[in-house]
N, C-alpha and C. Protein backbone atom coordinates (compact mmCIF):
# COMPACT_ATOMS: atom_id res chain seq x y z
N MET A 1 159.78 108.93 86.16
CA MET A 1 161.20 109.17 86.02
C MET A 1 161.44 109.87 84.69
N ILE A 2 162.63 110.42 84.55
CA ILE A 2 162.98 111.14 83.33
C ILE A 2 164.33 110.66 82.79
N ILE A 3 164.53 110.90 81.51
CA ILE A 3 165.84 110.71 80.91
C ILE A 3 166.59 112.02 81.11
N ALA A 4 167.66 111.97 81.88
CA ALA A 4 168.42 113.17 82.23
C ALA A 4 169.75 113.26 81.50
N GLY A 5 170.16 112.17 80.83
CA GLY A 5 171.42 112.16 80.10
C GLY A 5 171.36 111.17 78.96
N ARG A 6 172.08 111.48 77.88
CA ARG A 6 172.16 110.60 76.70
C ARG A 6 173.59 110.61 76.21
N PHE A 7 174.12 109.43 75.96
CA PHE A 7 175.46 109.31 75.38
C PHE A 7 175.42 108.24 74.31
N SER A 8 175.90 108.58 73.15
CA SER A 8 175.90 107.67 72.01
C SER A 8 177.27 107.02 71.89
N PHE A 9 177.33 105.71 72.10
CA PHE A 9 178.56 104.95 71.98
C PHE A 9 178.54 104.20 70.65
N ASN A 10 179.56 104.39 69.85
CA ASN A 10 179.68 103.73 68.55
C ASN A 10 178.43 103.99 67.69
N PHE A 11 178.03 105.25 67.64
CA PHE A 11 176.88 105.71 66.84
C PHE A 11 175.56 105.10 67.30
N GLY A 12 175.50 104.72 68.58
CA GLY A 12 174.31 104.07 69.12
C GLY A 12 173.02 104.85 68.91
N GLU A 13 173.03 106.15 69.21
CA GLU A 13 171.79 106.92 69.08
C GLU A 13 171.34 107.00 67.63
N LYS A 14 172.27 107.25 66.72
CA LYS A 14 171.93 107.34 65.29
C LYS A 14 171.36 106.01 64.78
N VAL A 15 172.03 104.92 65.10
CA VAL A 15 171.59 103.60 64.64
C VAL A 15 170.21 103.27 65.21
N ILE A 16 170.01 103.53 66.48
CA ILE A 16 168.73 103.19 67.11
C ILE A 16 167.61 104.08 66.57
N GLN A 17 167.90 105.35 66.36
CA GLN A 17 166.86 106.23 65.78
C GLN A 17 166.50 105.80 64.36
N GLU A 18 167.47 105.30 63.61
CA GLU A 18 167.19 104.85 62.24
C GLU A 18 166.48 103.50 62.20
N ARG A 19 166.96 102.53 62.99
CA ARG A 19 166.44 101.16 62.92
C ARG A 19 165.28 100.87 63.88
N TYR A 20 165.26 101.56 65.02
CA TYR A 20 164.30 101.23 66.07
C TYR A 20 163.60 102.47 66.64
N PRO A 21 163.14 103.40 65.81
CA PRO A 21 162.56 104.64 66.37
C PRO A 21 161.36 104.36 67.26
N HIS A 22 160.53 103.39 66.88
CA HIS A 22 159.36 103.04 67.69
C HIS A 22 159.76 102.49 69.06
N LEU A 23 160.84 101.73 69.10
CA LEU A 23 161.28 101.17 70.37
C LEU A 23 161.96 102.22 71.25
N LEU A 24 162.65 103.16 70.64
CA LEU A 24 163.26 104.24 71.40
C LEU A 24 162.18 105.07 72.09
N GLY A 25 161.10 105.33 71.36
CA GLY A 25 159.96 106.04 71.95
C GLY A 25 159.33 105.24 73.07
N GLU A 26 159.21 103.94 72.86
CA GLU A 26 158.62 103.07 73.88
C GLU A 26 159.48 103.04 75.14
N ILE A 27 160.79 102.99 74.98
CA ILE A 27 161.69 103.01 76.14
C ILE A 27 161.50 104.31 76.93
N GLY A 28 161.39 105.43 76.21
CA GLY A 28 161.13 106.71 76.87
C GLY A 28 159.81 106.69 77.64
N GLU A 29 158.78 106.09 77.06
CA GLU A 29 157.48 105.99 77.74
C GLU A 29 157.58 105.11 78.99
N ILE A 30 158.33 104.02 78.89
CA ILE A 30 158.49 103.13 80.03
C ILE A 30 159.21 103.85 81.17
N ILE A 31 160.28 104.54 80.85
CA ILE A 31 161.01 105.30 81.88
C ILE A 31 160.07 106.33 82.51
N GLY A 32 159.32 107.04 81.68
CA GLY A 32 158.39 108.05 82.18
C GLY A 32 157.26 107.50 83.03
N SER A 33 156.95 106.23 82.86
CA SER A 33 155.84 105.63 83.61
C SER A 33 156.22 105.16 85.01
N VAL A 34 157.50 105.06 85.29
CA VAL A 34 157.94 104.59 86.61
C VAL A 34 158.00 105.78 87.56
N ASP A 35 157.24 105.69 88.63
CA ASP A 35 157.18 106.74 89.65
C ASP A 35 158.23 106.43 90.72
N ALA A 36 159.36 107.13 90.65
CA ALA A 36 160.47 106.86 91.57
C ALA A 36 160.07 107.04 93.03
N SER A 37 159.16 107.95 93.30
CA SER A 37 158.79 108.23 94.70
C SER A 37 158.18 107.00 95.39
N LYS A 38 157.64 106.07 94.62
CA LYS A 38 157.07 104.85 95.20
C LYS A 38 158.13 103.84 95.59
N HIS A 39 159.39 104.15 95.29
CA HIS A 39 160.47 103.19 95.53
C HIS A 39 161.49 103.69 96.55
N VAL A 40 161.10 104.68 97.35
CA VAL A 40 161.92 105.13 98.48
C VAL A 40 161.52 104.24 99.65
N ARG A 41 162.23 103.11 99.78
CA ARG A 41 161.80 102.07 100.71
C ARG A 41 162.92 101.54 101.59
N LYS A 42 164.10 102.00 101.38
CA LYS A 42 165.24 101.39 102.05
C LYS A 42 165.83 102.36 103.07
N LYS A 43 165.82 101.96 104.33
CA LYS A 43 166.41 102.79 105.38
C LYS A 43 167.89 102.42 105.49
N SER A 44 168.74 103.41 105.29
CA SER A 44 170.18 103.17 105.25
C SER A 44 170.73 102.77 106.61
N LYS A 45 171.63 101.79 106.58
CA LYS A 45 172.37 101.39 107.77
C LYS A 45 173.85 101.76 107.62
N GLU A 46 174.17 102.43 106.51
CA GLU A 46 175.55 102.80 106.23
C GLU A 46 175.98 103.99 107.08
N LYS A 47 177.25 103.99 107.50
CA LYS A 47 177.77 105.05 108.36
C LYS A 47 177.52 106.44 107.82
N THR A 48 177.76 106.62 106.54
CA THR A 48 177.71 107.97 105.96
C THR A 48 176.30 108.52 105.79
N MET A 49 175.29 107.65 105.89
CA MET A 49 173.91 108.13 105.74
C MET A 49 172.92 107.32 106.58
N ARG A 50 173.34 106.97 107.77
CA ARG A 50 172.52 106.15 108.67
C ARG A 50 171.14 106.78 108.89
N GLY A 51 170.09 105.96 108.67
CA GLY A 51 168.72 106.40 108.89
C GLY A 51 168.06 107.10 107.71
N LYS A 52 168.84 107.48 106.71
CA LYS A 52 168.28 108.17 105.54
C LYS A 52 167.47 107.18 104.71
N MET A 53 166.32 107.63 104.22
CA MET A 53 165.51 106.79 103.34
C MET A 53 166.06 106.90 101.92
N LEU A 54 166.26 105.75 101.31
CA LEU A 54 166.89 105.67 99.99
C LEU A 54 165.98 104.98 98.98
N TYR A 55 166.26 105.22 97.71
CA TYR A 55 165.60 104.48 96.64
C TYR A 55 166.08 103.04 96.70
N SER A 56 165.18 102.11 96.52
CA SER A 56 165.52 100.69 96.50
C SER A 56 165.76 100.23 95.07
N PRO A 57 167.01 99.90 94.72
CA PRO A 57 167.28 99.38 93.37
C PRO A 57 166.46 98.14 93.04
N LYS A 58 166.26 97.25 94.02
CA LYS A 58 165.47 96.03 93.77
C LYS A 58 164.03 96.38 93.42
N SER A 59 163.46 97.31 94.13
CA SER A 59 162.08 97.72 93.87
C SER A 59 161.97 98.42 92.51
N LEU A 60 162.92 99.28 92.20
CA LEU A 60 162.93 99.95 90.89
C LEU A 60 163.09 98.93 89.76
N ASN A 61 163.99 97.96 89.95
CA ASN A 61 164.18 96.91 88.95
C ASN A 61 162.88 96.16 88.69
N ARG A 62 162.16 95.82 89.76
CA ARG A 62 160.89 95.10 89.60
C ARG A 62 159.88 95.94 88.82
N ALA A 63 159.82 97.24 89.11
CA ALA A 63 158.88 98.12 88.41
C ALA A 63 159.23 98.22 86.92
N PHE A 64 160.50 98.39 86.61
CA PHE A 64 160.91 98.45 85.21
C PHE A 64 160.64 97.12 84.51
N SER A 65 160.98 96.02 85.17
CA SER A 65 160.78 94.70 84.57
C SER A 65 159.31 94.46 84.26
N LYS A 66 158.46 94.76 85.21
CA LYS A 66 157.01 94.57 85.01
C LYS A 66 156.52 95.37 83.80
N THR A 67 157.00 96.60 83.68
CA THR A 67 156.54 97.47 82.59
C THR A 67 157.10 97.04 81.24
N PHE A 68 158.39 96.70 81.19
CA PHE A 68 158.97 96.23 79.93
C PHE A 68 158.26 94.94 79.47
N LEU A 69 158.11 93.99 80.37
CA LEU A 69 157.50 92.70 80.01
C LEU A 69 156.05 92.88 79.58
N ALA A 70 155.32 93.80 80.21
CA ALA A 70 153.93 94.05 79.84
C ALA A 70 153.81 94.61 78.42
N ARG A 71 154.89 95.20 77.92
CA ARG A 71 154.89 95.77 76.57
C ARG A 71 155.52 94.83 75.54
N GLY A 72 155.68 93.59 75.90
CA GLY A 72 156.14 92.59 74.94
C GLY A 72 157.64 92.41 74.84
N TRP A 73 158.41 93.07 75.68
CA TRP A 73 159.85 92.82 75.72
C TRP A 73 160.07 91.49 76.43
N GLN A 74 161.15 90.80 76.07
CA GLN A 74 161.40 89.50 76.68
C GLN A 74 162.82 89.42 77.21
N LYS A 75 162.97 88.65 78.27
CA LYS A 75 164.30 88.32 78.75
C LYS A 75 164.85 87.24 77.83
N VAL A 76 166.13 87.34 77.50
CA VAL A 76 166.76 86.31 76.68
C VAL A 76 167.91 85.73 77.48
N ARG A 77 167.83 84.42 77.69
CA ARG A 77 168.85 83.72 78.47
C ARG A 77 169.55 82.72 77.56
N ILE A 78 170.89 82.74 77.62
CA ILE A 78 171.67 81.77 76.86
C ILE A 78 172.47 80.92 77.84
N ARG A 79 172.55 79.66 77.55
CA ARG A 79 173.28 78.71 78.39
C ARG A 79 174.76 78.81 78.05
N CYS A 80 175.59 78.74 79.07
CA CYS A 80 177.04 78.76 78.88
C CYS A 80 177.60 77.36 79.09
N GLU A 81 178.34 76.89 78.13
CA GLU A 81 179.03 75.62 78.28
C GLU A 81 180.52 75.93 78.31
N TYR A 82 181.10 75.80 79.48
CA TYR A 82 182.50 76.17 79.66
C TYR A 82 183.42 75.04 79.25
N SER A 83 184.47 75.39 78.58
CA SER A 83 185.45 74.42 78.10
C SER A 83 186.48 74.11 79.19
N THR A 84 186.98 72.88 79.17
CA THR A 84 188.08 72.50 80.06
C THR A 84 189.36 72.26 79.26
N GLU A 85 189.32 72.55 77.98
CA GLU A 85 190.46 72.22 77.12
C GLU A 85 191.74 72.97 77.45
N PHE A 86 191.65 74.05 78.21
CA PHE A 86 192.84 74.84 78.52
C PHE A 86 193.37 74.57 79.93
N TYR A 87 192.80 73.62 80.64
CA TYR A 87 193.30 73.24 81.96
C TYR A 87 194.67 72.60 81.82
N VAL A 88 195.50 72.80 82.81
CA VAL A 88 196.83 72.21 82.82
C VAL A 88 196.75 70.72 83.14
N ASN A 89 195.82 70.35 84.03
CA ASN A 89 195.62 68.93 84.31
C ASN A 89 194.12 68.66 84.47
N ASP A 90 193.74 67.44 84.37
CA ASP A 90 192.33 67.07 84.33
C ASP A 90 191.60 67.08 85.67
N HIS A 91 192.30 67.10 86.79
CA HIS A 91 191.60 66.96 88.07
C HIS A 91 190.75 68.18 88.43
N HIS A 92 190.84 69.27 87.69
CA HIS A 92 189.99 70.44 87.93
C HIS A 92 188.69 70.41 87.12
N ALA A 93 188.55 69.48 86.21
CA ALA A 93 187.39 69.43 85.32
C ALA A 93 186.06 69.34 86.07
N GLU A 94 186.05 68.75 87.23
CA GLU A 94 184.80 68.57 87.96
C GLU A 94 184.25 69.87 88.56
N VAL A 95 185.01 70.95 88.59
CA VAL A 95 184.55 72.18 89.22
C VAL A 95 183.75 73.09 88.29
N LEU A 96 183.50 72.66 87.08
CA LEU A 96 182.73 73.49 86.15
C LEU A 96 181.34 73.77 86.70
N THR A 97 180.88 74.99 86.52
CA THR A 97 179.57 75.38 87.02
C THR A 97 178.50 74.82 86.10
N LYS A 98 177.58 74.07 86.67
CA LYS A 98 176.46 73.55 85.89
C LYS A 98 175.34 74.58 85.93
N GLY A 99 174.63 74.73 84.84
CA GLY A 99 173.52 75.66 84.80
C GLY A 99 173.93 77.11 84.63
N ALA A 100 175.17 77.36 84.23
CA ALA A 100 175.62 78.74 84.03
C ALA A 100 174.93 79.34 82.80
N PHE A 101 174.66 80.64 82.87
CA PHE A 101 173.98 81.31 81.77
C PHE A 101 174.31 82.79 81.77
N ARG A 102 173.99 83.46 80.68
CA ARG A 102 174.01 84.92 80.57
C ARG A 102 172.59 85.32 80.19
N GLU A 103 172.18 86.49 80.68
CA GLU A 103 170.81 86.93 80.40
C GLU A 103 170.80 88.40 80.04
N MET A 104 170.06 88.73 78.99
CA MET A 104 169.81 90.11 78.60
C MET A 104 168.50 90.50 79.25
N ASP A 105 168.48 91.67 79.92
CA ASP A 105 167.28 92.07 80.65
C ASP A 105 166.04 92.10 79.76
N PHE A 106 166.13 92.80 78.62
CA PHE A 106 164.96 92.95 77.75
C PHE A 106 165.40 93.00 76.29
N VAL A 107 164.68 92.27 75.44
CA VAL A 107 164.96 92.27 74.00
C VAL A 107 163.63 92.33 73.26
N LYS A 108 163.60 93.17 72.24
CA LYS A 108 162.43 93.26 71.36
C LYS A 108 162.92 93.67 69.98
N ASP A 109 162.51 92.94 68.96
CA ASP A 109 162.88 93.25 67.57
C ASP A 109 164.37 93.48 67.40
N SER A 110 165.19 92.70 68.07
CA SER A 110 166.66 92.72 68.04
C SER A 110 167.31 93.97 68.65
N LEU A 111 166.57 94.67 69.51
CA LEU A 111 167.17 95.74 70.31
C LEU A 111 167.25 95.23 71.75
N GLY A 112 168.44 95.27 72.32
CA GLY A 112 168.65 94.82 73.68
C GLY A 112 168.69 95.98 74.65
N VAL A 113 168.11 95.78 75.83
CA VAL A 113 168.12 96.81 76.87
C VAL A 113 168.62 96.18 78.16
N GLU A 114 169.56 96.86 78.79
CA GLU A 114 170.06 96.48 80.10
C GLU A 114 169.79 97.62 81.06
N LEU A 115 169.21 97.32 82.20
CA LEU A 115 168.98 98.28 83.27
C LEU A 115 169.98 97.97 84.37
N GLN A 116 170.83 98.94 84.70
CA GLN A 116 171.86 98.69 85.71
C GLN A 116 171.73 99.68 86.86
N LEU A 117 171.19 99.20 87.96
CA LEU A 117 171.05 100.01 89.17
C LEU A 117 171.91 99.41 90.28
N GLY A 118 172.95 98.72 89.88
CA GLY A 118 173.80 98.03 90.83
C GLY A 118 175.23 98.51 90.79
N LYS A 119 176.12 97.59 90.93
CA LYS A 119 177.54 97.92 91.07
C LYS A 119 178.17 98.37 89.76
N TYR A 120 179.21 99.17 89.92
CA TYR A 120 179.90 99.84 88.84
C TYR A 120 180.39 98.89 87.73
N ALA A 121 181.02 97.80 88.10
CA ALA A 121 181.63 96.92 87.10
C ALA A 121 180.62 96.35 86.11
N PHE A 122 179.37 96.18 86.54
CA PHE A 122 178.38 95.56 85.68
C PHE A 122 177.97 96.44 84.51
N MET A 123 177.97 97.76 84.67
CA MET A 123 177.55 98.61 83.56
C MET A 123 178.58 98.56 82.43
N VAL A 124 179.85 98.53 82.76
CA VAL A 124 180.89 98.43 81.74
C VAL A 124 180.83 97.04 81.08
N TYR A 125 180.63 96.01 81.89
CA TYR A 125 180.50 94.65 81.36
C TYR A 125 179.33 94.56 80.39
N ASN A 126 178.19 95.16 80.76
CA ASN A 126 177.02 95.11 79.88
C ASN A 126 177.32 95.64 78.50
N VAL A 127 177.95 96.80 78.42
CA VAL A 127 178.20 97.46 77.14
C VAL A 127 179.36 96.82 76.38
N CYS A 128 180.43 96.50 77.08
CA CYS A 128 181.66 96.07 76.41
C CYS A 128 181.80 94.56 76.27
N ALA A 129 180.96 93.78 76.91
CA ALA A 129 181.05 92.33 76.79
C ALA A 129 179.69 91.70 76.50
N LYS A 130 178.73 91.86 77.41
CA LYS A 130 177.46 91.15 77.27
C LYS A 130 176.74 91.50 75.97
N MET A 131 176.64 92.79 75.65
CA MET A 131 175.92 93.17 74.43
C MET A 131 176.64 92.65 73.19
N THR A 132 177.96 92.63 73.22
CA THR A 132 178.73 92.09 72.10
C THR A 132 178.46 90.59 71.95
N ILE A 133 178.43 89.88 73.06
CA ILE A 133 178.15 88.44 73.02
C ILE A 133 176.76 88.18 72.44
N PHE A 134 175.76 88.90 72.91
CA PHE A 134 174.39 88.69 72.43
C PHE A 134 174.26 89.09 70.96
N SER A 135 175.04 90.05 70.52
CA SER A 135 175.06 90.41 69.11
C SER A 135 175.70 89.30 68.28
N GLN A 136 176.85 88.80 68.75
CA GLN A 136 177.55 87.72 68.04
C GLN A 136 176.67 86.48 67.90
N LEU A 137 175.80 86.26 68.88
CA LEU A 137 174.91 85.09 68.85
C LEU A 137 173.60 85.37 68.11
N GLY A 138 173.46 86.58 67.54
CA GLY A 138 172.31 86.91 66.71
C GLY A 138 171.05 87.35 67.43
N HIS A 139 171.16 87.69 68.72
CA HIS A 139 169.98 88.10 69.47
C HIS A 139 169.68 89.59 69.38
N ILE A 140 170.73 90.41 69.25
CA ILE A 140 170.53 91.86 69.19
C ILE A 140 171.42 92.48 68.11
N GLY A 141 170.99 93.64 67.62
CA GLY A 141 171.78 94.39 66.65
C GLY A 141 172.32 95.69 67.23
N ALA A 142 171.73 96.14 68.33
CA ALA A 142 172.15 97.35 69.02
C ALA A 142 171.63 97.25 70.45
N GLY A 143 172.12 98.17 71.30
CA GLY A 143 171.72 98.10 72.70
C GLY A 143 171.45 99.45 73.32
N VAL A 144 170.72 99.40 74.43
CA VAL A 144 170.46 100.57 75.26
C VAL A 144 170.83 100.18 76.69
N GLU A 145 171.66 100.98 77.31
CA GLU A 145 172.04 100.78 78.71
C GLU A 145 171.40 101.90 79.52
N ILE A 146 170.59 101.54 80.50
CA ILE A 146 169.90 102.52 81.35
C ILE A 146 170.55 102.51 82.72
N VAL A 147 171.09 103.67 83.13
CA VAL A 147 171.77 103.80 84.42
C VAL A 147 171.35 105.11 85.07
N PRO A 148 171.43 105.21 86.40
CA PRO A 148 171.09 106.48 87.06
C PRO A 148 172.18 107.52 86.84
N ILE A 149 171.79 108.79 86.82
CA ILE A 149 172.80 109.85 86.86
C ILE A 149 173.30 109.95 88.30
N LYS A 150 174.41 110.62 88.50
CA LYS A 150 175.04 110.65 89.82
C LYS A 150 174.12 111.15 90.93
N SER A 151 173.40 112.21 90.69
CA SER A 151 172.55 112.75 91.76
C SER A 151 171.45 111.76 92.17
N PHE A 152 170.99 110.94 91.25
CA PHE A 152 170.00 109.91 91.57
C PHE A 152 170.68 108.74 92.31
N ALA A 153 171.85 108.33 91.83
CA ALA A 153 172.60 107.25 92.47
C ALA A 153 172.99 107.61 93.89
N ASP A 154 173.21 108.89 94.16
CA ASP A 154 173.57 109.34 95.50
C ASP A 154 172.46 109.07 96.51
N ASP A 155 171.24 108.90 96.04
CA ASP A 155 170.10 108.60 96.92
C ASP A 155 169.79 107.11 96.95
N MET A 156 170.79 106.29 96.57
CA MET A 156 170.72 104.83 96.68
C MET A 156 171.88 104.40 97.58
N SER A 157 172.07 103.13 97.76
CA SER A 157 173.19 102.63 98.55
C SER A 157 174.51 103.06 97.93
N THR A 158 175.57 103.09 98.74
CA THR A 158 176.88 103.42 98.19
C THR A 158 177.31 102.33 97.21
N GLY A 159 178.09 102.71 96.24
CA GLY A 159 178.61 101.76 95.26
C GLY A 159 177.74 101.57 94.04
N VAL A 160 176.60 102.26 93.96
CA VAL A 160 175.75 102.14 92.78
C VAL A 160 176.41 102.89 91.62
N SER A 161 176.41 102.25 90.48
CA SER A 161 177.03 102.85 89.30
C SER A 161 176.22 104.04 88.82
N TYR A 162 176.85 104.89 88.01
CA TYR A 162 176.12 106.03 87.47
C TYR A 162 176.64 106.44 86.10
N PHE A 163 175.78 107.15 85.41
CA PHE A 163 175.94 107.59 84.02
C PHE A 163 177.29 108.24 83.76
N GLU A 164 177.66 109.21 84.59
CA GLU A 164 178.88 109.96 84.35
C GLU A 164 180.12 109.07 84.37
N GLN A 165 180.15 108.06 85.24
CA GLN A 165 181.26 107.10 85.27
C GLN A 165 181.36 106.34 83.95
N LEU A 166 180.22 105.83 83.52
CA LEU A 166 180.20 105.01 82.31
C LEU A 166 180.60 105.83 81.09
N VAL A 167 180.10 107.05 80.98
CA VAL A 167 180.46 107.91 79.85
C VAL A 167 181.96 108.16 79.84
N TRP A 168 182.53 108.49 81.00
CA TRP A 168 183.98 108.74 81.06
C TRP A 168 184.75 107.51 80.63
N ASP A 169 184.37 106.34 81.15
CA ASP A 169 185.07 105.10 80.78
C ASP A 169 185.00 104.84 79.28
N LEU A 170 183.83 104.97 78.71
CA LEU A 170 183.68 104.67 77.29
C LEU A 170 184.40 105.69 76.43
N GLN A 171 184.36 106.96 76.80
CA GLN A 171 185.10 107.98 76.04
C GLN A 171 186.60 107.74 76.13
N THR A 172 187.07 107.38 77.31
CA THR A 172 188.50 107.18 77.52
C THR A 172 188.97 105.89 76.87
N ARG A 173 188.17 104.85 76.92
CA ARG A 173 188.49 103.56 76.30
C ARG A 173 188.50 103.66 74.80
N GLY A 174 187.51 104.36 74.24
CA GLY A 174 187.34 104.41 72.80
C GLY A 174 186.54 103.22 72.30
N VAL A 175 186.31 103.19 71.01
CA VAL A 175 185.51 102.15 70.38
C VAL A 175 186.42 101.09 69.77
N ALA A 176 186.13 99.83 70.05
CA ALA A 176 186.87 98.71 69.46
C ALA A 176 186.07 98.16 68.28
N ASP A 177 186.73 97.43 67.41
CA ASP A 177 186.06 96.94 66.21
C ASP A 177 184.96 95.92 66.49
N ILE A 178 184.90 95.36 67.69
CA ILE A 178 183.82 94.41 68.01
C ILE A 178 182.65 95.06 68.72
N ASP A 179 182.77 96.32 69.12
CA ASP A 179 181.70 96.99 69.86
C ASP A 179 180.48 97.22 68.98
N ILE A 180 179.30 97.05 69.58
CA ILE A 180 178.06 97.31 68.85
C ILE A 180 177.57 98.72 69.20
N PRO A 181 176.66 99.27 68.41
CA PRO A 181 176.08 100.59 68.74
C PRO A 181 175.24 100.50 70.02
N VAL A 182 175.52 101.40 70.96
CA VAL A 182 174.79 101.41 72.23
C VAL A 182 174.46 102.84 72.60
N LEU A 183 173.23 103.05 73.02
CA LEU A 183 172.79 104.34 73.54
C LEU A 183 172.74 104.22 75.06
N ILE A 184 173.46 105.09 75.74
CA ILE A 184 173.47 105.10 77.20
C ILE A 184 172.46 106.17 77.64
N LEU A 185 171.49 105.77 78.45
CA LEU A 185 170.50 106.70 78.98
C LEU A 185 170.70 106.85 80.48
N GLY A 186 170.90 108.09 80.92
CA GLY A 186 171.00 108.40 82.34
C GLY A 186 169.64 108.80 82.85
N ILE A 187 169.14 108.14 83.89
CA ILE A 187 167.81 108.42 84.40
C ILE A 187 167.86 109.11 85.76
N ALA A 188 166.79 109.81 86.07
CA ALA A 188 166.67 110.50 87.36
C ALA A 188 165.21 110.49 87.77
N SER A 189 164.97 110.79 89.06
CA SER A 189 163.60 110.95 89.51
C SER A 189 163.07 112.25 88.89
N ASP A 190 161.77 112.42 88.87
CA ASP A 190 161.17 113.61 88.23
C ASP A 190 161.67 114.90 88.80
């Protein structure tokens, strides 16, 4: 696979090149090592592309995960303890989710990486909420969000998020004072 797009959110590229140049190179090597052609495994049942063979996001995720973990990156999971102090009455307290957590896909030397080959809302959440939370808790200092470019996403199931959407949202939203530096990488098949 290749890096087909780069967008620097809140000086993400500059910060990562200064603080984590070795990891930025490693991320590029990992992306380059994944052979997208091995992940065309899903036969579409959708009306608009019935019978078309598509890239499998699950298979691609497994390939990326295997490669990141083999290079010493780790998943970081934090437990969520939800408060009931804002409930209007106490009889709802029993519905709290036990075992709730948040997880960063890959972390190494305080650089967080999220790979999003799924639904649109998750890529915005990763950059604007999850990475901020993991930074506030001291796990990361900057982040990298890896998403497909539109032409690559078009060869996956409908509803897969893509680089151009995320860039537009972040440019239109602007940077808030709690946002951390994030480099958005748009990936494509070779």
